[in-house]
C-alpha atoms as a PDB file:
ATOM      1  CA  MET A   1      16.279 -12.001   4.550  1.00  0.00           C
ATOM      2  CA  ASP A   2      12.475 -10.925   4.633  1.00  0.00           C
ATOM      3  CA  GLY A   3      13.289  -7.153   6.130  1.00  0.00           C
ATOM      4  CA  HIS A   4      11.354  -7.947   9.953  1.00  0.00           C
ATOM      5  CA  SER A   5      14.492  -8.558  11.652  1.00  0.00           C
ATOM      6  CA  HIS A   6      13.736  -9.660  15.926  1.00  0.00           C
ATOM      7  CA  SER A   7      15.609  -9.343  18.871  1.00  0.00           C
ATOM      8  CA  TYR A   8      16.374 -12.140  21.794  1.00  0.00           C
ATOM      9  CA  ASP A   9      18.393 -12.130  24.753  1.00  0.00           C
ATOM     10  CA  LEU A  10      20.020 -15.415  24.836  1.00  0.00           C
ATOM     11  CA  THR A  11      21.864 -17.268  27.545  1.00  0.00           C
ATOM     12  CA  LEU A  12      24.987 -19.482  27.184  1.00  0.00           C
ATOM     13  CA  PRO A  13      25.550 -22.593  27.221  1.00  0.00           C
ATOM     14  CA  PHE A  14      23.283 -22.343  24.101  1.00  0.00           C
ATOM     15  CA  VAL A  15      20.212 -24.241  23.741  1.00  0.00           C
ATOM     16  CA  GLN A  16      20.049 -25.250  20.303  1.00  0.00           C
ATOM     17  CA  ASP A  17      16.545 -25.164  19.886  1.00  0.00           C
ATOM     18  CA  GLU A  18      16.656 -20.962  20.738  1.00  0.00           C
ATOM     19  CA  LEU A  19      19.656 -21.390  17.798  1.00  0.00           C
ATOM     20  CA  ASN A  20      17.488 -22.521  15.484  1.00  0.00           C
ATOM     21  CA  GLN A  21      15.323 -20.036  15.088  1.00  0.00           C
ATOM     22  CA  LEU A  22      17.367 -17.463  14.480  1.00  0.00           C
ATOM     23  CA  LYS A  23      17.783 -15.475  10.951  1.00  0.00           C
ATOM     24  CA  ILE A  24      20.223 -13.554   9.425  1.00  0.00           C
ATOM     25  CA  GLY A  25      19.704 -10.177  10.207  1.00  0.00           C
ATOM     26  CA  ASP A  26      18.446 -10.492  14.111  1.00  0.00           C
ATOM     27  CA  LEU A  27      20.118  -8.838  16.614  1.00  0.00           C
ATOM     28  CA  VAL A  28      20.951 -10.488  20.046  1.00  0.00           C
ATOM     29  CA  TYR A  29      21.951  -9.890  23.793  1.00  0.00           C
ATOM     30  CA  LEU A  30      24.188 -12.464  25.498  1.00  0.00           C
ATOM     31  CA  THR A  31      24.369 -13.191  28.768  1.00  0.00           C
ATOM     32  CA  GLY A  32      26.544 -16.185  30.284  1.00  0.00           C
ATOM     33  CA  GLU A  33      30.787 -17.155  29.557  1.00  0.00           C
ATOM     34  CA  VAL A  34      31.740 -16.874  26.112  1.00  0.00           C
ATOM     35  CA  VAL A  35      35.865 -17.110  25.175  1.00  0.00           C
ATOM     36  CA  VAL A  36      37.587 -14.321  23.292  1.00  0.00           C
ATOM     37  CA  THR A  37      41.079 -14.503  21.553  1.00  0.00           C
ATOM     38  CA  VAL A  38      42.198 -12.340  18.705  1.00  0.00           C
ATOM     39  CA  GLY A  39      45.706 -14.583  18.115  1.00  0.00           C
ATOM     40  CA  LEU A  40      46.364 -16.769  14.808  1.00  0.00           C
ATOM     41  CA  PRO A  41      48.716 -18.250  16.463  1.00  0.00           C
ATOM     42  CA  THR A  42      45.560 -19.288  19.618  1.00  0.00           C
ATOM     43  CA  HIS A  43      43.253 -20.386  16.702  1.00  0.00           C
ATOM     44  CA  LYS A  44      46.022 -22.734  15.359  1.00  0.00           C
ATOM     45  CA  ARG A  45      47.187 -24.470  18.924  1.00  0.00           C
ATOM     46  CA  ILE A  46      43.310 -24.960  19.103  1.00  0.00           C
ATOM     47  CA  LYS A  47      43.311 -26.957  15.787  1.00  0.00           C
ATOM     48  CA  GLU A  48      46.352 -28.451  16.739  1.00  0.00           C
ATOM     49  CA  TYR A  49      44.987 -29.533  19.700  1.00  0.00           C
ATOM     50  CA  ILE A  50      41.732 -31.183  17.797  1.00  0.00           C
ATOM     51  CA  ASP A  51      43.989 -32.546  15.609  1.00  0.00           C
ATOM     52  CA  ALA A  52      46.191 -34.802  18.625  1.00  0.00           C
ATOM     53  CA  GLY A  53      43.149 -35.765  20.258  1.00  0.00           C
ATOM     54  CA  LYS A  54      43.995 -33.609  23.341  1.00  0.00           C
ATOM     55  CA  GLN A  55      41.567 -32.229  25.077  1.00  0.00           C
ATOM     56  CA  LEU A  56      41.456 -28.015  25.134  1.00  0.00           C
ATOM     57  CA  PRO A  57      41.953 -26.084  28.486  1.00  0.00           C
ATOM     58  CA  MET A  58      38.505 -24.617  28.188  1.00  0.00           C
ATOM     59  CA  ASP A  59      35.259 -26.465  27.043  1.00  0.00           C
ATOM     60  CA  LEU A  60      33.610 -24.511  24.286  1.00  0.00           C
ATOM     61  CA  THR A  61      30.598 -26.976  24.138  1.00  0.00           C
ATOM     62  CA  ASP A  62      27.603 -25.171  23.557  1.00  0.00           C
ATOM     63  CA  GLY A  63      29.472 -21.709  24.396  1.00  0.00           C
ATOM     64  CA  MET A  64      30.441 -19.277  22.077  1.00  0.00           C
ATOM     65  CA  LEU A  65      34.437 -18.330  20.549  1.00  0.00           C
ATOM     66  CA  CYS A  66      35.098 -14.457  19.213  1.00  0.00           C
ATOM     67  CA  GLN A  67      37.426 -13.177  17.663  1.00  0.00           C
ATOM     68  CA  VAL A  68      37.796 -10.414  20.070  1.00  0.00           C
ATOM     69  CA  GLY A  69      40.891  -8.953  21.814  1.00  0.00           C
ATOM     70  CA  ALA A  70      40.509  -7.970  25.895  1.00  0.00           C
ATOM     71  CA  TYR A  71      42.757  -5.850  27.716  1.00  0.00           C
ATOM     72  CA  ILE A  72      42.524  -7.198  31.446  1.00  0.00           C
ATOM     73  CA  GLU A  73      44.564  -5.266  34.280  1.00  0.00           C
ATOM     74  CA  ASP A  74      45.288  -6.958  37.345  1.00  0.00           C
ATOM     75  CA  THR A  75      44.092  -5.428  40.388  1.00  0.00           C
ATOM     76  CA  GLU A  76      44.201  -5.813  43.855  1.00  0.00           C
ATOM     77  CA  SER A  77      40.798  -7.064  43.769  1.00  0.00           C
ATOM     78  CA  GLY A  78      41.674  -9.274  40.962  1.00  0.00           C
ATOM     79  CA  GLN A  79      41.820  -9.041  37.126  1.00  0.00           C
ATOM     80  CA  VAL A  80      39.730  -6.850  35.253  1.00  0.00           C
ATOM     81  CA  CYS A  81      38.560  -5.808  31.914  1.00  0.00           C
ATOM     82  CA  ARG A  82      39.038  -2.821  30.323  1.00  0.00           C
ATOM     83  CA  TYR A  83      37.398  -3.010  27.263  1.00  0.00           C
ATOM     84  CA  ILE A  84      36.908  -5.868  24.236  1.00  0.00           C
ATOM     85  CA  ASN A  85      37.421  -5.029  20.993  1.00  0.00           C
ATOM     86  CA  PRO A  86      36.400  -7.113  17.994  1.00  0.00           C
ATOM     87  CA  SER A  87      38.634  -8.485  15.261  1.00  0.00           C
ATOM     88  CA  THR A  88      38.240  -9.566  11.209  1.00  0.00           C
ATOM     89  CA  SER A  89      36.942 -13.124  11.579  1.00  0.00           C
ATOM     90  CA  THR A  90      37.818 -14.437   7.955  1.00  0.00           C
ATOM     91  CA  ARG A  91      41.698 -13.897   8.764  1.00  0.00           C
ATOM     92  CA  PHE A  92      40.664 -17.228  10.914  1.00  0.00           C
ATOM     93  CA  ASP A  93      38.881 -19.180   8.069  1.00  0.00           C
ATOM     94  CA  PRO A  94      41.795 -21.548   7.903  1.00  0.00           C
ATOM     95  CA  PHE A  95      41.293 -23.031  11.516  1.00  0.00           C
ATOM     96  CA  LEU A  96      37.447 -22.291  12.210  1.00  0.00           C
ATOM     97  CA  PRO A  97      35.225 -25.010  10.162  1.00  0.00           C
ATOM     98  CA  THR A  98      37.706 -27.849  12.259  1.00  0.00           C
ATOM     99  CA  ILE A  99      37.099 -26.045  15.385  1.00  0.00           C
ATOM    100  CA  ILE A 100      33.230 -25.662  14.654  1.00  0.00           C
ATOM    101  CA  ASP A 101      33.039 -29.446  13.451  1.00  0.00           C
ATOM    102  CA  HIS A 102      35.009 -31.154  16.148  1.00  0.00           C
ATOM    103  CA  SER A 103      34.790 -28.563  19.441  1.00  0.00           C
ATOM    104  CA  GLY A 104      31.344 -28.441  19.906  1.00  0.00           C
ATOM    105  CA  VAL A 105      31.201 -24.516  20.236  1.00  0.00           C
ATOM    106  CA  LYS A 106      27.568 -22.839  18.842  1.00  0.00           C
ATOM    107  CA  ALA A 107      28.800 -19.360  17.695  1.00  0.00           C
ATOM    108  CA  ILE A 108      31.276 -17.255  16.636  1.00  0.00           C
ATOM    109  CA  GLY A 109      31.538 -14.041  17.222  1.00  0.00           C
ATOM    110  CA  GLY A 110      33.695 -11.049  15.567  1.00  0.00           C
ATOM    111  CA  LYS A 111      33.537  -8.474  12.931  1.00  0.00           C
ATOM    112  CA  GLY A 112      33.412  -8.982   8.690  1.00  0.00           C
ATOM    113  CA  GLY A 113      31.959 -11.951   8.446  1.00  0.00           C
ATOM    114  CA  VAL A 114      33.067 -15.426   7.664  1.00  0.00           C
ATOM    115  CA  GLY A 115      34.648 -17.313   4.337  1.00  0.00           C
ATOM    116  CA  PRO A 116      32.198 -20.481   2.381  1.00  0.00           C
ATOM    117  CA  GLY A 117      34.053 -22.984   4.228  1.00  0.00           C
ATOM    118  CA  THR A 118      33.014 -21.598   8.064  1.00  0.00           C
ATOM    119  CA  VAL A 119      29.866 -21.263   6.718  1.00  0.00           C
ATOM    120  CA  ALA A 120      29.324 -24.539   5.338  1.00  0.00           C
ATOM    121  CA  ALA A 121      30.647 -26.358   9.393  1.00  0.00           C
ATOM    122  CA  MET A 122      28.294 -24.231  10.947  1.00  0.00           C
ATOM    123  CA  GLN A 123      25.378 -25.254   9.126  1.00  0.00           C
ATOM    124  CA  ARG A 124      26.828 -29.370   9.678  1.00  0.00           C
ATOM    125  CA  ASN A 125      26.960 -28.148  13.231  1.00  0.00           C
ATOM    126  CA  GLY A 126      23.939 -26.114  14.239  1.00  0.00           C
ATOM    127  CA  CYS A 127      26.015 -22.863  14.960  1.00  0.00           C
ATOM    128  CA  VAL A 128      26.045 -19.493  14.780  1.00  0.00           C
ATOM    129  CA  TYR A 129      27.852 -16.292  13.376  1.00  0.00           C
ATOM    130  CA  LEU A 130      27.451 -13.496  15.491  1.00  0.00           C
ATOM    131  CA  SER A 131      29.057 -10.080  13.949  1.00  0.00           C
ATOM    132  CA  PHE A 132      29.788  -6.967  16.490  1.00  0.00           C
ATOM    133  CA  VAL A 133      28.861  -3.589  15.953  1.00  0.00           C
ATOM    134  CA  GLY A 134      32.331  -1.832  14.470  1.00  0.00           C
ATOM    135  CA  GLY A 135      33.457   1.279  16.115  1.00  0.00           C
ATOM    136  CA  ALA A 136      30.867   0.083  19.513  1.00  0.00           C
ATOM    137  CA  SER A 137      33.673  -1.369  21.499  1.00  0.00           C
ATOM    138  CA  ALA A 138      32.674   1.005  24.531  1.00  0.00           C
ATOM    139  CA  LEU A 139      29.018  -0.073  24.408  1.00  0.00           C
ATOM    140  CA  THR A 140      29.826  -4.003  24.563  1.00  0.00           C
ATOM    141  CA  SER A 141      32.692  -3.432  27.236  1.00  0.00           C
ATOM    142  CA  GLU A 142      30.619  -2.141  29.295  1.00  0.00           C
ATOM    143  CA  ALA A 143      28.594  -6.035  28.621  1.00  0.00           C
ATOM    144  CA  VAL A 144      31.792  -7.348  30.397  1.00  0.00           C
ATOM    145  CA  GLU A 145      31.133  -8.305  34.106  1.00  0.00           C
ATOM    146  CA  ASP A 146      33.914 -10.750  35.474  1.00  0.00           C
ATOM    147  CA  VAL A 147      37.146 -12.351  34.231  1.00  0.00           C
ATOM    148  CA  VAL A 148      36.623 -15.625  34.765  1.00  0.00           C
ATOM    149  CA  GLU A 149      39.832 -17.787  33.475  1.00  0.00           C
ATOM    150  CA  VAL A 150      42.164 -17.319  31.261  1.00  0.00           C
ATOM    151  CA  VAL A 151      44.664 -19.780  29.878  1.00  0.00           C
ATOM    152  CA  TRP A 152      47.610 -19.939  27.857  1.00  0.00           C
ATOM    153  CA  LYS A 153      50.135 -17.354  29.491  1.00  0.00           C
ATOM    154  CA  ASP A 154      52.749 -18.075  27.298  1.00  0.00           C
ATOM    155  CA  PHE A 155      50.953 -16.472  24.496  1.00  0.00           C
ATOM    156  CA  ILE A 156      50.567 -12.135  24.639  1.00  0.00           C
ATOM    157  CA  LEU A 157      47.865 -10.804  26.360  1.00  0.00           C
ATOM    158  CA  GLN A 158      45.142 -10.343  23.540  1.00  0.00           C
ATOM    159  CA  PHE A 159      46.162 -13.509  22.325  1.00  0.00           C
ATOM    160  CA  ARG A 160      45.530 -15.695  25.348  1.00  0.00           C
ATOM    161  CA  LEU A 161      42.169 -17.859  25.639  1.00  0.00           C
ATOM    162  CA  THR A 162      40.004 -15.831  28.228  1.00  0.00           C
ATOM    163  CA  ARG A 163      36.661 -16.808  29.392  1.00  0.00           C
ATOM    164  CA  LEU A 164      34.402 -13.829  30.367  1.00  0.00           C
ATOM    165  CA  ARG A 165      31.646 -13.405  32.371  1.00  0.00           C
ATOM    166  CA  VAL A 166      28.913 -11.011  30.519  1.00  0.00           C
ATOM    167  CA  LYS A 167      25.418  -9.231  30.906  1.00  0.00           C
ATOM    168  CA  ARG A 168      23.515  -8.401  27.694  1.00  0.00           C
ATOM    169  CA  LEU A 169      26.278  -8.692  25.545  1.00  0.00           C
ATOM    170  CA  GLY A 170      25.468  -6.859  22.103  1.00  0.00           C
ATOM    171  CA  PRO A 171      23.326  -5.507  19.890  1.00  0.00           C
ATOM    172  CA  LEU A 172      25.153  -8.606  18.347  1.00  0.00           C
ATOM    173  CA  THR A 173      24.074  -9.402  14.404  1.00  0.00           C
ATOM    174  CA  VAL A 174      23.015 -12.873  13.167  1.00  0.00           C
ATOM    175  CA  GLY A 175      25.083 -12.702  10.024  1.00  0.00           C
ATOM    176  CA  VAL A 176      24.901 -16.157   9.941  1.00  0.00           C
ATOM    177  CA  ASP A 177      22.828 -18.623  10.689  1.00  0.00           C
ATOM    178  CA  THR A 178      21.712 -22.155  11.740  1.00  0.00           C
ATOM    179  CA  LYS A 179      20.717 -23.184   8.073  1.00  0.00           C
ATOM    180  CA  GLY A 180      24.077 -21.901   6.286  1.00  0.00           C
ATOM    181  CA  ASN A 181      22.029 -18.874   5.502  1.00  0.00           C
ATOM    182  CA  SER A 182      24.852 -15.501   5.279  1.00  0.00           C
ATOM    183  CA  LEU A 183      24.245 -11.953   5.499  1.00  0.00           C
ATOM    184  CA  TYR A 184      27.488 -11.428   3.381  1.00  0.00           C
ATOM    185  CA  VAL A 185      26.853 -13.679   0.504  1.00  0.00           C
ATOM    186  CA  ASP A 186      23.416 -11.635  -0.102  1.00  0.00           C
ATOM    187  CA  LEU A 187      24.910  -8.291   0.637  1.00  0.00           C
ATOM    188  CA  GLN A 188      27.715  -9.791  -2.151  1.00  0.00           C
ATOM    189  CA  LYS A 189      25.029 -10.745  -4.460  1.00  0.00           C
ATOM    190  CA  GLN A 190      23.089  -7.494  -4.003  1.00  0.00           C
ATOM    191  CA  ALA A 191      26.414  -5.223  -4.701  1.00  0.00           C
ATOM    192  CA  GLU A 192      27.390  -7.977  -7.623  1.00  0.00           C
ATOM    193  CA  ALA A 193      24.169  -7.066  -8.948  1.00  0.00           C
ATOM    194  CA  LYS A 194      24.399  -3.204  -8.179  1.00  0.00           C
ATOM    195  CA  PHE A 195      27.785  -3.269  -9.822  1.00  0.00           C
ATOM    196  CA  GLU A 196      25.919  -4.768 -13.541  1.00  0.00           C
ATOM    197  CA  ASP A 197      23.378  -2.013 -13.024  1.00  0.00           C
ATOM    198  CA  LEU A 198      26.136   0.522 -12.961  1.00  0.00           C
ATOM    199  CA  MET A 199      27.969  -0.830 -15.663  1.00  0.00           C
ATOM    200  CA  GLN A 200      25.266  -1.007 -17.997  1.00  0.00           C
ATOM    201  CA  GLU A 201      24.497   2.436 -17.162  1.00  0.00           C
ATOM    202  CA  LEU A 202      27.709   4.014 -18.341  1.00  0.00           C
ATOM    203  CA  ASN A 203      27.501   1.769 -21.069  1.00  0.00           C
ATOM    204  CA  ASP A 204      24.252   3.290 -22.524  1.00  0.00           C
ATOM    205  CA  GLY A 205      25.518   6.424 -21.345  1.00  0.00           C
ATOM    206  CA  ARG A 206      28.505   6.015 -24.373  1.00  0.00           C
ATOM    207  CA  LEU A 207      26.143   4.637 -26.567  1.00  0.00           C
END
């Protein structure tokens, strides 16, 4: 990171050139439609569809798949999303590389980052990881305008694939950029360096 983050307003479906300009630490606001689910079985089913050459019920091409739970109510005027809440993305690492390699998705969203296999898939496909701010569900939920579509209703509510229309969803932090740079790898290196310095100080103190 160069210490100078920028803020971007992007619309979905994504334009590759716009994604390519993002760097780790930048802030992003999104307008358009995103697909959300927090289901491990849901991600497993997506991978199974891809492995079997079956068409997914929602097109992810140039879109965003979020590890985000959505609480939706049926009202007289239709379905309403009351809130969204991000989940830890590393739980889904066994499925994400395949999804990124074969679905055309251009952004993964959640919290906590992703592992090296997923980062490598992102670099191969010009995909980014966008991190939700922890504890800011009330703020991000306000960006949801409509429930566009819900499929795989055999799953419990939060596991279903849900397409939401959002307006200026964010701020989301670029955790992994299209070049494969990872904010989480940088933070781990910094933590390891500080740990080594701390241990050296403790050893010096004992001497």
